[in-house]
């Protein structure tokens, strides 16, 4: 559980800038809780904005890579960027839609990574499998992450070394926190969550190597949340994705006791401007012992 006291977002802002990000795992529990609460409030407001749009009538278009983007994506991003600029002025932010419009900011030791609407295809299909993701990255590693599922009314969040929790999503924040933790690999076979829209042959082959398992397809970063709260055991994605799809989930899994690796079982790093923030493959594990020695390739 992320411990909190009476600290507010205003208190947190008094320590503004990259100092907060660089030492978030070392600052007091009260300051860390104040920061995560302030970020959760930003995510909650963006989530509420998305829910104001109808999947049937929302304005949409195709990006150069032929993936969809909607007015809901853009509204969510604008709200998040505005909130982050007020909370932590001057901190670099890498955000999905912004990255398509302008050059990446100069990244120092710490920055924020945002996916304002992860799972746009699911949103347009009328499913509840889409999320809003915000992560803090320091030293090229995600150290805190928040994932909200607006239509499910839930938010998952964690700080590495401080624990993870699932909460009820509100219009301006969250409440009813429950501590969560990943689980050991079940003796009777694990639960594998896979992409509904991007399942590929390499991922299929990896799942086959796990032996008897239960497969559950879904969209967006919700799959990280399922591993983090012990309703699933592994989430493999052996096709190219982007850092903003993974950063918040990476931090959440690590905070909950799991591990996220590349296809060779090595540590993932973030902030790779030179490769347009692409991640070739990853595997998110609830049980690090199961992951040991079992690379995806």
Foldseek 3Di string as FASTA:
>chain_A
DQDEDPDALVNLLVCAACVCLQCLLPDDSHSVVRVVQLLQLLQLQLLVQLVVDALADWAWDADPVRDIDTVSQVSQVVSNVVSCCVSHNPAFEAEDVVVSVDAGDDHDQKHKYWYSKFPNVCRSVVHQQIWTKMFIGGNQATQKIKIDRSVVQKIKIFGQVRFIWIFGRDNRGTDPTDTAAADAADPVAWEEEEEPPQDDPLVVVLVVVRPDYHYDYTGALVRLVCRLRHVGFKYWDQAKDFQSRPRRSQNSLNRRPWHKAFQQLHHHGFDCSVVVRMHNIMMTGRHVVVSPPRGSD
